[in-house]
PDB file of N, CA and C in Angstrom:
ATOM      1  N   MET A   1     143.472 175.684 181.872  1.00  0.00           N
ATOM      2  CA  MET A   1     144.122 174.641 181.107  1.00  0.00           C
ATOM      3  C   MET A   1     143.985 174.950 179.616  1.00  0.00           C
ATOM      4  N   ALA A   2     145.078 174.787 178.873  1.00  0.00           N
ATOM      5  CA  ALA A   2     145.077 175.076 177.437  1.00  0.00           C
ATOM      6  C   ALA A   2     144.238 174.046 176.689  1.00  0.00           C
ATOM      7  N   GLU A   3     143.529 174.550 175.666  1.00  0.00           N
ATOM      8  CA  GLU A   3     142.710 173.669 174.852  1.00  0.00           C
ATOM      9  C   GLU A   3     143.605 172.834 173.946  1.00  0.00           C
ATOM     10  N   LYS A   4     143.334 171.552 173.853  1.00  0.00           N
ATOM     11  CA  LYS A   4     144.143 170.660 173.022  1.00  0.00           C
ATOM     12  C   LYS A   4     143.744 170.810 171.553  1.00  0.00           C
ATOM     13  N   THR A   5     144.755 170.912 170.681  1.00  0.00           N
ATOM     14  CA  THR A   5     144.519 171.015 169.248  1.00  0.00           C
ATOM     15  C   THR A   5     144.092 169.658 168.708  1.00  0.00           C
ATOM     16  N   THR A   6     143.058 169.664 167.877  1.00  0.00           N
ATOM     17  CA  THR A   6     142.610 168.428 167.249  1.00  0.00           C
ATOM     18  C   THR A   6     143.631 167.997 166.214  1.00  0.00           C
ATOM     19  N   GLU A   7     144.069 166.783 166.310  1.00  0.00           N
ATOM     20  CA  GLU A   7     145.075 166.254 165.383  1.00  0.00           C
ATOM     21  C   GLU A   7     144.389 165.677 164.154  1.00  0.00           C
ATOM     22  N   ILE A   8     144.665 166.304 163.008  1.00  0.00           N
ATOM     23  CA  ILE A   8     144.114 165.808 161.751  1.00  0.00           C
ATOM     24  C   ILE A   8     145.148 164.936 161.061  1.00  0.00           C
ATOM     25  N   TRP A   9     146.393 165.454 160.957  1.00  0.00           N
ATOM     26  CA  TRP A   9     147.502 164.717 160.355  1.00  0.00           C
ATOM     27  C   TRP A   9     148.670 164.772 161.307  1.00  0.00           C
ATOM     28  N   SER A  10     149.520 163.775 161.228  1.00  0.00           N
ATOM     29  CA  SER A  10     150.749 163.818 162.020  1.00  0.00           C
ATOM     30  C   SER A  10     151.886 163.178 161.228  1.00  0.00           C
ATOM     31  N   ASP A  11     153.083 163.535 161.626  1.00  0.00           N
ATOM     32  CA  ASP A  11     154.285 163.005 160.992  1.00  0.00           C
ATOM     33  C   ASP A  11     155.388 163.028 162.043  1.00  0.00           C
ATOM     34  N   LEU A  12     156.424 162.254 161.815  1.00  0.00           N
ATOM     35  CA  LEU A  12     157.559 162.294 162.736  1.00  0.00           C
ATOM     36  C   LEU A  12     158.247 163.639 162.642  1.00  0.00           C
ATOM     37  N   HIS A  13     158.692 164.153 163.774  1.00  0.00           N
ATOM     38  CA  HIS A  13     159.473 165.387 163.819  1.00  0.00           C
ATOM     39  C   HIS A  13     160.807 165.134 163.129  1.00  0.00           C
ATOM     40  N   GLN A  14     161.332 166.154 162.428  1.00  0.00           N
ATOM     41  CA  GLN A  14     162.590 165.988 161.679  1.00  0.00           C
ATOM     42  C   GLN A  14     163.747 165.549 162.580  1.00  0.00           C
ATOM     43  N   SER A  15     163.788 166.044 163.814  1.00  0.00           N
ATOM     44  CA  SER A  15     164.838 165.604 164.735  1.00  0.00           C
ATOM     45  C   SER A  15     164.289 164.437 165.547  1.00  0.00           C
ATOM     46  N   ILE A  16     164.401 163.266 164.986  1.00  0.00           N
ATOM     47  CA  ILE A  16     163.810 162.078 165.602  1.00  0.00           C
ATOM     48  C   ILE A  16     164.378 161.899 167.007  1.00  0.00           C
ATOM     49  N   GLY A  17     163.477 161.784 167.943  1.00  0.00           N
ATOM     50  CA  GLY A  17     163.861 161.615 169.333  1.00  0.00           C
ATOM     51  C   GLY A  17     162.608 161.601 170.191  1.00  0.00           C
ATOM     52  N   PRO A  18     162.774 161.344 171.476  1.00  0.00           N
ATOM     53  CA  PRO A  18     161.607 161.250 172.353  1.00  0.00           C
ATOM     54  C   PRO A  18     161.082 162.629 172.762  1.00  0.00           C
ATOM     55  N   ASP A  19     159.758 162.701 172.975  1.00  0.00           N
ATOM     56  CA  ASP A  19     159.179 163.916 173.535  1.00  0.00           C
ATOM     57  C   ASP A  19     159.237 163.834 175.057  1.00  0.00           C
ATOM     58  N   SER A  20     158.580 164.745 175.737  1.00  0.00           N
ATOM     59  CA  SER A  20     158.644 164.775 177.204  1.00  0.00           C
ATOM     60  C   SER A  20     157.962 163.584 177.861  1.00  0.00           C
ATOM     61  N   HIS A  21     157.178 162.819 177.080  1.00  0.00           N
ATOM     62  CA  HIS A  21     156.495 161.638 177.619  1.00  0.00           C
ATOM     63  C   HIS A  21     157.167 160.332 177.198  1.00  0.00           C
ATOM     64  N   GLY A  22     158.287 160.439 176.478  1.00  0.00           N
ATOM     65  CA  GLY A  22     159.012 159.250 176.054  1.00  0.00           C
ATOM     66  C   GLY A  22     158.590 158.697 174.700  1.00  0.00           C
ATOM     67  N   ALA A  23     157.548 159.265 174.097  1.00  0.00           N
ATOM     68  CA  ALA A  23     157.115 158.838 172.761  1.00  0.00           C
ATOM     69  C   ALA A  23     157.931 159.594 171.713  1.00  0.00           C
ATOM     70  N   LEU A  24     157.935 159.089 170.489  1.00  0.00           N
ATOM     71  CA  LEU A  24     158.639 159.799 169.424  1.00  0.00           C
ATOM     72  C   LEU A  24     157.996 161.158 169.196  1.00  0.00           C
ATOM     73  N   LYS A  25     158.848 162.185 169.021  1.00  0.00           N
ATOM     74  CA  LYS A  25     158.338 163.527 168.729  1.00  0.00           C
ATOM     75  C   LYS A  25     157.620 163.505 167.398  1.00  0.00           C
ATOM     76  N   LYS A  26     156.526 164.267 167.330  1.00  0.00           N
ATOM     77  CA  LYS A  26     155.804 164.355 166.075  1.00  0.00           C
ATOM     78  C   LYS A  26     155.350 165.789 165.853  1.00  0.00           C
ATOM     79  N   VAL A  27     154.990 166.059 164.620  1.00  0.00           N
ATOM     80  CA  VAL A  27     154.390 167.330 164.256  1.00  0.00           C
ATOM     81  C   VAL A  27     152.978 167.027 163.782  1.00  0.00           C
ATOM     82  N   ILE A  28     152.095 167.995 163.959  1.00  0.00           N
ATOM     83  CA  ILE A  28     150.702 167.749 163.565  1.00  0.00           C
ATOM     84  C   ILE A  28     150.194 168.844 162.633  1.00  0.00           C
ATOM     85  N   ASN A  29     149.171 168.507 161.902  1.00  0.00           N
ATOM     86  CA  ASN A  29     148.412 169.396 161.041  1.00  0.00           C
ATOM     87  C   ASN A  29     149.294 170.174 160.074  1.00  0.00           C
ATOM     88  N   VAL A  30     149.312 171.512 160.130  1.00  0.00           N
ATOM     89  CA  VAL A  30     150.057 172.314 159.168  1.00  0.00           C
ATOM     90  C   VAL A  30     151.548 171.975 159.204  1.00  0.00           C
ATOM     91  N   GLU A  31     152.105 171.774 160.383  1.00  0.00           N
ATOM     92  CA  GLU A  31     153.530 171.421 160.466  1.00  0.00           C
ATOM     93  C   GLU A  31     153.793 170.058 159.846  1.00  0.00           C
ATOM     94  N   SER A  32     152.816 169.174 159.912  1.00  0.00           N
ATOM     95  CA  SER A  32     152.947 167.878 159.250  1.00  0.00           C
ATOM     96  C   SER A  32     153.011 168.052 157.737  1.00  0.00           C
ATOM     97  N   VAL A  33     152.216 168.971 157.204  1.00  0.00           N
ATOM     98  CA  VAL A  33     152.240 169.237 155.765  1.00  0.00           C
ATOM     99  C   VAL A  33     153.588 169.860 155.377  1.00  0.00           C
ATOM    100  N   ARG A  34     154.090 170.789 156.185  1.00  0.00           N
ATOM    101  CA  ARG A  34     155.408 171.383 155.907  1.00  0.00           C
ATOM    102  C   ARG A  34     156.500 170.309 155.930  1.00  0.00           C
ATOM    103  N   THR A  35     156.401 169.370 156.864  1.00  0.00           N
ATOM    104  CA  THR A  35     157.365 168.273 156.928  1.00  0.00           C
ATOM    105  C   THR A  35     157.280 167.425 155.665  1.00  0.00           C
ATOM    106  N   SER A  36     156.070 167.189 155.185  1.00  0.00           N
ATOM    107  CA  SER A  36     155.892 166.433 153.952  1.00  0.00           C
ATOM    108  C   SER A  36     156.558 167.150 152.778  1.00  0.00           C
ATOM    109  N   ILE A  37     156.355 168.461 152.677  1.00  0.00           N
ATOM    110  CA  ILE A  37     156.979 169.241 151.602  1.00  0.00           C
ATOM    111  C   ILE A  37     158.494 169.170 151.719  1.00  0.00           C
ATOM    112  N   ASP A  38     159.006 169.281 152.939  1.00  0.00           N
ATOM    113  CA  ASP A  38     160.448 169.190 153.163  1.00  0.00           C
ATOM    114  C   ASP A  38     160.981 167.831 152.720  1.00  0.00           C
ATOM    115  N   ASN A  39     160.250 166.775 153.029  1.00  0.00           N
ATOM    116  CA  ASN A  39     160.669 165.433 152.614  1.00  0.00           C
ATOM    117  C   ASN A  39     160.648 165.278 151.094  1.00  0.00           C
ATOM    118  N   ILE A  40     159.619 165.820 150.456  1.00  0.00           N
ATOM    119  CA  ILE A  40     159.517 165.726 148.998  1.00  0.00           C
ATOM    120  C   ILE A  40     160.669 166.460 148.332  1.00  0.00           C
ATOM    121  N   LEU A  41     160.900 167.712 148.744  1.00  0.00           N
ATOM    122  CA  LEU A  41     161.937 168.517 148.098  1.00  0.00           C
ATOM    123  C   LEU A  41     163.348 168.097 148.499  1.00  0.00           C
ATOM    124  N   GLY A  42     163.492 167.514 149.680  1.00  0.00           N
ATOM    125  CA  GLY A  42     164.811 167.117 150.167  1.00  0.00           C
ATOM    126  C   GLY A  42     165.239 165.716 149.779  1.00  0.00           C
ATOM    127  N   THR A  43     164.347 164.968 149.164  1.00  0.00           N
ATOM    128  CA  THR A  43     164.667 163.604 148.744  1.00  0.00           C
ATOM    129  C   THR A  43     164.930 163.606 147.246  1.00  0.00           C
ATOM    130  N   PHE A  44     166.083 163.110 146.867  1.00  0.00           N
ATOM    131  CA  PHE A  44     166.436 163.024 145.450  1.00  0.00           C
ATOM    132  C   PHE A  44     165.748 161.806 144.855  1.00  0.00           C
ATOM    133  N   GLN A  45     165.135 161.975 143.672  1.00  0.00           N
ATOM    134  CA  GLN A  45     164.471 160.832 143.046  1.00  0.00           C
ATOM    135  C   GLN A  45     165.470 159.691 142.872  1.00  0.00           C
ATOM    136  N   GLY A  46     165.036 158.502 143.254  1.00  0.00           N
ATOM    137  CA  GLY A  46     165.893 157.323 143.197  1.00  0.00           C
ATOM    138  C   GLY A  46     166.534 157.004 144.536  1.00  0.00           C
ATOM    139  N   GLU A  47     166.443 157.916 145.483  1.00  0.00           N
ATOM    140  CA  GLU A  47     167.063 157.737 146.797  1.00  0.00           C
ATOM    141  C   GLU A  47     166.299 156.729 147.658  1.00  0.00           C
ATOM    142  N   ARG A  48     164.983 156.678 147.532  1.00  0.00           N
ATOM    143  CA  ARG A  48     164.177 155.724 148.306  1.00  0.00           C
ATOM    144  C   ARG A  48     164.041 154.443 147.502  1.00  0.00           C
ATOM    145  N   ILE A  49     164.625 153.389 147.999  1.00  0.00           N
ATOM    146  CA  ILE A  49     164.712 152.129 147.265  1.00  0.00           C
ATOM    147  C   ILE A  49     163.336 151.560 146.934  1.00  0.00           C
ATOM    148  N   MET A  50     162.436 151.554 147.884  1.00  0.00           N
ATOM    149  CA  MET A  50     161.121 150.954 147.652  1.00  0.00           C
ATOM    150  C   MET A  50     160.158 151.888 146.911  1.00  0.00           C
ATOM    151  N   LEU A  51     160.539 153.146 146.741  1.00  0.00           N
ATOM    152  CA  LEU A  51     159.699 154.119 146.043  1.00  0.00           C
ATOM    153  C   LEU A  51     160.621 155.087 145.280  1.00  0.00           C
ATOM    154  N   PRO A  52     161.295 154.601 144.239  1.00  0.00           N
ATOM    155  CA  PRO A  52     162.316 155.405 143.564  1.00  0.00           C
ATOM    156  C   PRO A  52     161.784 156.640 142.847  1.00  0.00           C
ATOM    157  N   GLU A  53     160.499 156.704 142.566  1.00  0.00           N
ATOM    158  CA  GLU A  53     159.932 157.869 141.895  1.00  0.00           C
ATOM    159  C   GLU A  53     159.710 159.031 142.862  1.00  0.00           C
ATOM    160  N   PHE A  54     159.699 158.736 144.176  1.00  0.00           N
ATOM    161  CA  PHE A  54     159.414 159.758 145.184  1.00  0.00           C
ATOM    162  C   PHE A  54     160.513 160.814 145.215  1.00  0.00           C
ATOM    163  N   GLY A  55     160.117 162.040 145.458  1.00  0.00           N
ATOM    164  CA  GLY A  55     161.071 163.120 145.665  1.00  0.00           C
ATOM    165  C   GLY A  55     161.101 164.086 144.501  1.00  0.00           C
ATOM    166  N   SER A  56     162.185 164.847 144.450  1.00  0.00           N
ATOM    167  CA  SER A  56     162.353 165.857 143.408  1.00  0.00           C
ATOM    168  C   SER A  56     163.798 165.822 142.925  1.00  0.00           C
ATOM    169  N   ASN A  57     164.058 166.619 141.919  1.00  0.00           N
ATOM    170  CA  ASN A  57     165.413 166.688 141.370  1.00  0.00           C
ATOM    171  C   ASN A  57     166.091 168.017 141.685  1.00  0.00           C
ATOM    172  N   LEU A  58     165.745 168.639 142.818  1.00  0.00           N
ATOM    173  CA  LEU A  58     166.334 169.942 143.142  1.00  0.00           C
ATOM    174  C   LEU A  58     167.855 169.911 143.132  1.00  0.00           C
ATOM    175  N   ARG A  59     168.417 168.869 143.709  1.00  0.00           N
ATOM    176  CA  ARG A  59     169.886 168.802 143.751  1.00  0.00           C
ATOM    177  C   ARG A  59     170.480 168.658 142.356  1.00  0.00           C
ATOM    178  N   GLY A  60     169.699 168.171 141.398  1.00  0.00           N
ATOM    179  CA  GLY A  60     170.162 168.054 140.029  1.00  0.00           C
ATOM    180  C   GLY A  60     170.353 169.403 139.354  1.00  0.00           C
ATOM    181  N   PHE A  61     169.771 170.442 139.925  1.00  0.00           N
ATOM    182  CA  PHE A  61     169.893 171.780 139.373  1.00  0.00           C
ATOM    183  C   PHE A  61     171.077 172.556 139.958  1.00  0.00           C
ATOM    184  N   LEU A  62     171.762 171.967 140.915  1.00  0.00           N
ATOM    185  CA  LEU A  62     172.788 172.692 141.671  1.00  0.00           C
ATOM    186  C   LEU A  62     173.885 173.327 140.829  1.00  0.00           C
ATOM    187  N   PHE A  63     174.321 172.676 139.794  1.00  0.00           N
ATOM    188  CA  PHE A  63     175.481 173.182 139.064  1.00  0.00           C
ATOM    189  C   PHE A  63     175.115 173.872 137.763  1.00  0.00           C
ATOM    190  N   GLU A  64     173.832 174.216 137.617  1.00  0.00           N
ATOM    191  CA  GLU A  64     173.416 174.957 136.433  1.00  0.00           C
ATOM    192  C   GLU A  64     173.505 176.451 136.720  1.00  0.00           C
ATOM    193  N   PRO A  65     173.727 177.255 135.675  1.00  0.00           N
ATOM    194  CA  PRO A  65     173.788 178.706 135.883  1.00  0.00           C
ATOM    195  C   PRO A  65     172.452 179.223 136.421  1.00  0.00           C
ATOM    196  N   ILE A  66     172.522 180.095 137.406  1.00  0.00           N
ATOM    197  CA  ILE A  66     171.310 180.657 137.980  1.00  0.00           C
ATOM    198  C   ILE A  66     170.837 181.783 137.066  1.00  0.00           C
ATOM    199  N   ASN A  67     169.738 181.518 136.355  1.00  0.00           N
ATOM    200  CA  ASN A  67     169.152 182.502 135.453  1.00  0.00           C
ATOM    201  C   ASN A  67     167.642 182.267 135.426  1.00  0.00           C
ATOM    202  N   GLN A  68     166.919 183.050 134.629  1.00  0.00           N
ATOM    203  CA  GLN A  68     165.462 182.944 134.596  1.00  0.00           C
ATOM    204  C   GLN A  68     164.999 181.581 134.103  1.00  0.00           C
ATOM    205  N   ARG A  69     165.722 180.992 133.172  1.00  0.00           N
ATOM    206  CA  ARG A  69     165.360 179.661 132.673  1.00  0.00           C
ATOM    207  C   ARG A  69     165.407 178.631 133.803  1.00  0.00           C
ATOM    208  N   LEU A  70     166.460 178.698 134.614  1.00  0.00           N
ATOM    209  CA  LEU A  70     166.578 177.780 135.751  1.00  0.00           C
ATOM    210  C   LEU A  70     165.458 178.029 136.760  1.00  0.00           C
ATOM    211  N   VAL A  71     165.168 179.282 137.046  1.00  0.00           N
ATOM    212  CA  VAL A  71     164.099 179.621 137.989  1.00  0.00           C
ATOM    213  C   VAL A  71     162.764 179.060 137.498  1.00  0.00           C
ATOM    214  N   ASN A  72     162.478 179.173 136.207  1.00  0.00           N
ATOM    215  CA  ASN A  72     161.236 178.620 135.656  1.00  0.00           C
ATOM    216  C   ASN A  72     161.194 177.101 135.791  1.00  0.00           C
ATOM    217  N   ARG A  73     162.302 176.441 135.481  1.00  0.00           N
ATOM    218  CA  ARG A  73     162.356 174.981 135.600  1.00  0.00           C
ATOM    219  C   ARG A  73     162.194 174.543 137.052  1.00  0.00           C
ATOM    220  N   LEU A  74     162.866 175.242 137.979  1.00  0.00           N
ATOM    221  CA  LEU A  74     162.744 174.930 139.404  1.00  0.00           C
ATOM    222  C   LEU A  74     161.305 175.114 139.876  1.00  0.00           C
ATOM    223  N   SER A  75     160.688 176.199 139.461  1.00  0.00           N
ATOM    224  CA  SER A  75     159.315 176.482 139.863  1.00  0.00           C
ATOM    225  C   SER A  75     158.378 175.360 139.420  1.00  0.00           C
ATOM    226  N   ASN A  76     158.520 174.927 138.174  1.00  0.00           N
ATOM    227  CA  ASN A  76     157.685 173.833 137.669  1.00  0.00           C
ATOM    228  C   ASN A  76     157.967 172.533 138.399  1.00  0.00           C
ATOM    229  N   GLU A  77     159.240 172.231 138.625  1.00  0.00           N
ATOM    230  CA  GLU A  77     159.628 171.004 139.341  1.00  0.00           C
ATOM    231  C   GLU A  77     159.021 170.982 140.743  1.00  0.00           C
ATOM    232  N   ILE A  78     159.139 172.084 141.447  1.00  0.00           N
ATOM    233  CA  ILE A  78     158.648 172.167 142.821  1.00  0.00           C
ATOM    234  C   ILE A  78     157.135 171.993 142.855  1.00  0.00           C
ATOM    235  N   LYS A  79     156.425 172.746 142.040  1.00  0.00           N
ATOM    236  CA  LYS A  79     154.962 172.666 142.015  1.00  0.00           C
ATOM    237  C   LYS A  79     154.499 171.255 141.650  1.00  0.00           C
ATOM    238  N   ASP A  80     155.061 170.712 140.587  1.00  0.00           N
ATOM    239  CA  ASP A  80     154.652 169.378 140.129  1.00  0.00           C
ATOM    240  C   ASP A  80     154.895 168.312 141.192  1.00  0.00           C
ATOM    241  N   LYS A  81     156.090 168.284 141.751  1.00  0.00           N
ATOM    242  CA  LYS A  81     156.432 167.211 142.697  1.00  0.00           C
ATOM    243  C   LYS A  81     155.624 167.302 143.981  1.00  0.00           C
ATOM    244  N   ILE A  82     155.434 168.521 144.498  1.00  0.00           N
ATOM    245  CA  ILE A  82     154.640 168.650 145.728  1.00  0.00           C
ATOM    246  C   ILE A  82     153.213 168.182 145.477  1.00  0.00           C
ATOM    247  N   GLU A  83     152.618 168.614 144.380  1.00  0.00           N
ATOM    248  CA  GLU A  83     151.226 168.253 144.123  1.00  0.00           C
ATOM    249  C   GLU A  83     151.054 166.785 143.748  1.00  0.00           C
ATOM    250  N   ILE A  84     152.088 166.165 143.184  1.00  0.00           N
ATOM    251  CA  ILE A  84     152.032 164.725 142.903  1.00  0.00           C
ATOM    252  C   ILE A  84     152.078 163.923 144.195  1.00  0.00           C
ATOM    253  N   TRP A  85     152.982 164.294 145.113  1.00  0.00           N
ATOM    254  CA  TRP A  85     153.246 163.468 146.288  1.00  0.00           C
ATOM    255  C   TRP A  85     152.464 163.852 147.537  1.00  0.00           C
ATOM    256  N   ASP A  86     151.780 165.001 147.526  1.00  0.00           N
ATOM    257  CA  ASP A  86     150.952 165.350 148.687  1.00  0.00           C
ATOM    258  C   ASP A  86     149.650 165.952 148.184  1.00  0.00           C
ATOM    259  N   ASN A  87     148.615 165.133 148.136  1.00  0.00           N
ATOM    260  CA  ASN A  87     147.344 165.586 147.575  1.00  0.00           C
ATOM    261  C   ASN A  87     146.578 166.539 148.486  1.00  0.00           C
ATOM    262  N   ARG A  88     147.119 166.845 149.653  1.00  0.00           N
ATOM    263  CA  ARG A  88     146.493 167.840 150.529  1.00  0.00           C
ATOM    264  C   ARG A  88     146.841 169.257 150.092  1.00  0.00           C
ATOM    265  N   VAL A  89     147.860 169.391 149.245  1.00  0.00           N
ATOM    266  CA  VAL A  89     148.475 170.685 148.962  1.00  0.00           C
ATOM    267  C   VAL A  89     148.162 171.167 147.550  1.00  0.00           C
ATOM    268  N   GLU A  90     147.883 172.458 147.445  1.00  0.00           N
ATOM    269  CA  GLU A  90     147.793 173.149 146.162  1.00  0.00           C
ATOM    270  C   GLU A  90     148.819 174.273 146.210  1.00  0.00           C
ATOM    271  N   VAL A  91     149.817 174.213 145.342  1.00  0.00           N
ATOM    272  CA  VAL A  91     150.864 175.237 145.322  1.00  0.00           C
ATOM    273  C   VAL A  91     150.308 176.479 144.635  1.00  0.00           C
ATOM    274  N   ILE A  92     150.391 177.600 145.324  1.00  0.00           N
ATOM    275  CA  ILE A  92     149.892 178.872 144.817  1.00  0.00           C
ATOM    276  C   ILE A  92     151.005 179.630 144.087  1.00  0.00           C
ATOM    277  N   GLY A  93     152.217 179.547 144.608  1.00  0.00           N
ATOM    278  CA  GLY A  93     153.328 180.246 143.981  1.00  0.00           C
ATOM    279  C   GLY A  93     154.651 179.781 144.535  1.00  0.00           C
ATOM    280  N   VAL A  94     155.695 180.038 143.777  1.00  0.00           N
ATOM    281  CA  VAL A  94     157.055 179.721 144.200  1.00  0.00           C
ATOM    282  C   VAL A  94     157.889 180.973 143.958  1.00  0.00           C
ATOM    283  N   ASP A  95     158.499 181.500 145.013  1.00  0.00           N
ATOM    284  CA  ASP A  95     159.329 182.698 144.914  1.00  0.00           C
ATOM    285  C   ASP A  95     160.774 182.342 145.200  1.00  0.00           C
ATOM    286  N   PHE A  96     161.672 183.045 144.536  1.00  0.00           N
ATOM    287  CA  PHE A  96     163.099 182.776 144.663  1.00  0.00           C
ATOM    288  C   PHE A  96     163.852 184.044 145.020  1.00  0.00           C
ATOM    289  N   LYS A  97     164.863 183.899 145.846  1.00  0.00           N
ATOM    290  CA  LYS A  97     165.870 184.924 146.059  1.00  0.00           C
ATOM    291  C   LYS A  97     167.169 184.273 145.643  1.00  0.00           C
ATOM    292  N   THR A  98     167.817 184.839 144.653  1.00  0.00           N
ATOM    293  CA  THR A  98     169.033 184.219 144.130  1.00  0.00           C
ATOM    294  C   THR A  98     170.249 185.065 144.433  1.00  0.00           C
ATOM    295  N   ASP A  99     171.357 184.389 144.600  1.00  0.00           N
ATOM    296  CA  ASP A  99     172.663 185.018 144.752  1.00  0.00           C
ATOM    297  C   ASP A  99     173.630 184.210 143.891  1.00  0.00           C
ATOM    298  N   PRO A 100     173.675 184.516 142.573  1.00  0.00           N
ATOM    299  CA  PRO A 100     174.492 183.720 141.654  1.00  0.00           C
ATOM    300  C   PRO A 100     175.976 183.710 142.007  1.00  0.00           C
ATOM    301  N   ASP A 101     176.465 184.789 142.606  1.00  0.00           N
ATOM    302  CA  ASP A 101     177.889 184.849 142.955  1.00  0.00           C
ATOM    303  C   ASP A 101     178.262 183.813 144.008  1.00  0.00           C
ATOM    304  N   ASN A 102     177.299 183.467 144.853  1.00  0.00           N
ATOM    305  CA  ASN A 102     177.549 182.476 145.906  1.00  0.00           C
ATOM    306  C   ASN A 102     176.800 181.173 145.657  1.00  0.00           C
ATOM    307  N   ASN A 103     176.233 181.006 144.445  1.00  0.00           N
ATOM    308  CA  ASN A 103     175.504 179.788 144.072  1.00  0.00           C
ATOM    309  C   ASN A 103     174.465 179.416 145.124  1.00  0.00           C
ATOM    310  N   TYR A 104     173.597 180.371 145.407  1.00  0.00           N
ATOM    311  CA  TYR A 104     172.620 180.232 146.482  1.00  0.00           C
ATOM    312  C   TYR A 104     171.238 180.614 145.954  1.00  0.00           C
ATOM    313  N   ILE A 105     170.248 179.792 146.252  1.00  0.00           N
ATOM    314  CA  ILE A 105     168.859 180.111 145.941  1.00  0.00           C
ATOM    315  C   ILE A 105     168.019 179.836 147.185  1.00  0.00           C
ATOM    316  N   SER A 106     167.254 180.822 147.607  1.00  0.00           N
ATOM    317  CA  SER A 106     166.269 180.639 148.671  1.00  0.00           C
ATOM    318  C   SER A 106     164.920 180.473 147.986  1.00  0.00           C
ATOM    319  N   ILE A 107     164.202 179.440 148.356  1.00  0.00           N
ATOM    320  CA  ILE A 107     162.928 179.107 147.717  1.00  0.00           C
ATOM    321  C   ILE A 107     161.822 179.197 148.762  1.00  0.00           C
ATOM    322  N   THR A 108     160.796 179.974 148.456  1.00  0.00           N
ATOM    323  CA  THR A 108     159.612 180.040 149.319  1.00  0.00           C
ATOM    324  C   THR A 108     158.415 179.556 148.520  1.00  0.00           C
ATOM    325  N   VAL A 109     157.778 178.520 149.033  1.00  0.00           N
ATOM    326  CA  VAL A 109     156.594 177.942 148.401  1.00  0.00           C
ATOM    327  C   VAL A 109     155.373 178.435 149.172  1.00  0.00           C
ATOM    328  N   SER A 110     154.451 179.084 148.465  1.00  0.00           N
ATOM    329  CA  SER A 110     153.168 179.479 149.055  1.00  0.00           C
ATOM    330  C   SER A 110     152.158 178.409 148.653  1.00  0.00           C
ATOM    331  N   PHE A 111     151.403 177.936 149.617  1.00  0.00           N
ATOM    332  CA  PHE A 111     150.486 176.842 149.322  1.00  0.00           C
ATOM    333  C   PHE A 111     149.217 176.923 150.159  1.00  0.00           C
ATOM    334  N   ASN A 112     148.189 176.328 149.628  1.00  0.00           N
ATOM    335  CA  ASN A 112     146.948 176.129 150.364  1.00  0.00           C
ATOM    336  C   ASN A 112     146.866 174.657 150.728  1.00  0.00           C
ATOM    337  N   ILE A 113     146.243 174.421 151.848  1.00  0.00           N
ATOM    338  CA  ILE A 113     145.941 173.048 152.248  1.00  0.00           C
ATOM    339  C   ILE A 113     144.448 172.876 152.023  1.00  0.00           C
ATOM    340  N   ARG A 114     144.105 171.858 151.270  1.00  0.00           N
ATOM    341  CA  ARG A 114     142.690 171.636 150.985  1.00  0.00           C
ATOM    342  C   ARG A 114     141.922 171.534 152.306  1.00  0.00           C
ATOM    343  N   SER A 115     140.829 172.223 152.386  1.00  0.00           N
ATOM    344  CA  SER A 115     139.943 172.320 153.552  1.00  0.00           C
ATOM    345  C   SER A 115     140.374 173.395 154.543  1.00  0.00           C
ATOM    346  N   TYR A 116     141.490 174.082 154.305  1.00  0.00           N
ATOM    347  CA  TYR A 116     141.888 175.237 155.116  1.00  0.00           C
ATOM    348  C   TYR A 116     141.606 176.491 154.295  1.00  0.00           C
ATOM    349  N   THR A 117     141.387 177.613 154.946  1.00  0.00           N
ATOM    350  CA  THR A 117     141.081 178.844 154.222  1.00  0.00           C
ATOM    351  C   THR A 117     142.292 179.760 154.054  1.00  0.00           C
ATOM    352  N   GLU A 118     143.366 179.515 154.762  1.00  0.00           N
ATOM    353  CA  GLU A 118     144.514 180.423 154.677  1.00  0.00           C
ATOM    354  C   GLU A 118     145.633 179.861 153.802  1.00  0.00           C
ATOM    355  N   THR A 119     146.543 180.747 153.432  1.00  0.00           N
ATOM    356  CA  THR A 119     147.715 180.367 152.650  1.00  0.00           C
ATOM    357  C   THR A 119     148.899 180.241 153.596  1.00  0.00           C
ATOM    358  N   PHE A 120     149.724 179.219 153.371  1.00  0.00           N
ATOM    359  CA  PHE A 120     150.885 178.946 154.199  1.00  0.00           C
ATOM    360  C   PHE A 120     152.151 179.065 153.367  1.00  0.00           C
ATOM    361  N   ASN A 121     153.291 179.150 154.026  1.00  0.00           N
ATOM    362  CA  ASN A 121     154.577 179.235 153.343  1.00  0.00           C
ATOM    363  C   ASN A 121     155.533 178.171 153.872  1.00  0.00           C
ATOM    364  N   TYR A 122     156.430 177.759 153.001  1.00  0.00           N
ATOM    365  CA  TYR A 122     157.525 176.853 153.347  1.00  0.00           C
ATOM    366  C   TYR A 122     158.764 177.420 152.647  1.00  0.00           C
ATOM    367  N   THR A 123     159.862 177.556 153.377  1.00  0.00           N
ATOM    368  CA  THR A 123     161.088 178.102 152.801  1.00  0.00           C
ATOM    369  C   THR A 123     162.226 177.114 152.965  1.00  0.00           C
ATOM    370  N   THR A 124     163.032 176.975 151.897  1.00  0.00           N
ATOM    371  CA  THR A 124     164.219 176.141 151.931  1.00  0.00           C
ATOM    372  C   THR A 124     165.294 176.805 151.082  1.00  0.00           C
ATOM    373  N   THR A 125     166.505 176.286 151.139  1.00  0.00           N
ATOM    374  CA  THR A 125     167.583 176.824 150.326  1.00  0.00           C
ATOM    375  C   THR A 125     168.257 175.726 149.530  1.00  0.00           C
ATOM    376  N   VAL A 126     168.795 176.117 148.392  1.00  0.00           N
ATOM    377  CA  VAL A 126     169.607 175.224 147.576  1.00  0.00           C
ATOM    378  C   VAL A 126     170.936 175.954 147.388  1.00  0.00           C
ATOM    379  N   THR A 127     172.019 175.300 147.772  1.00  0.00           N
ATOM    380  CA  THR A 127     173.346 175.905 147.641  1.00  0.00           C
ATOM    381  C   THR A 127     174.293 174.910 147.008  1.00  0.00           C
ATOM    382  N   GLN A 128     175.354 175.471 146.449  1.00  0.00           N
ATOM    383  CA  GLN A 128     176.393 174.607 145.852  1.00  0.00           C
ATOM    384  C   GLN A 128     177.562 174.518 146.797  1.00  0.00           C
TER     385      GLN A 128
END
């Protein structure tokens, strides 16, 4: 029999629906932290009525020219917002792959989770 993973943190799975036991699907531990980062970066500030400060302004950068200045601003925005809204996370670095001709940026966030010894990654894209 497989050993059960100890649940430290949990969050709803992004595709809300029932699991095999009829309960809502959830993610635990590291995947819960990745879900939190996804929620922070995917929520535009002002979108949550009861918490308008929550989120980031990534979509606000969509129509700006992709250059080093934009990459620096995005990097600061990502690091600041994640660390403000999830105190479990310390952002180690933010890497970008850009394709200015197609208005595409792939963002990989490297982060540590406080009390864990390894570094984790989260990747998302911003497109126009």
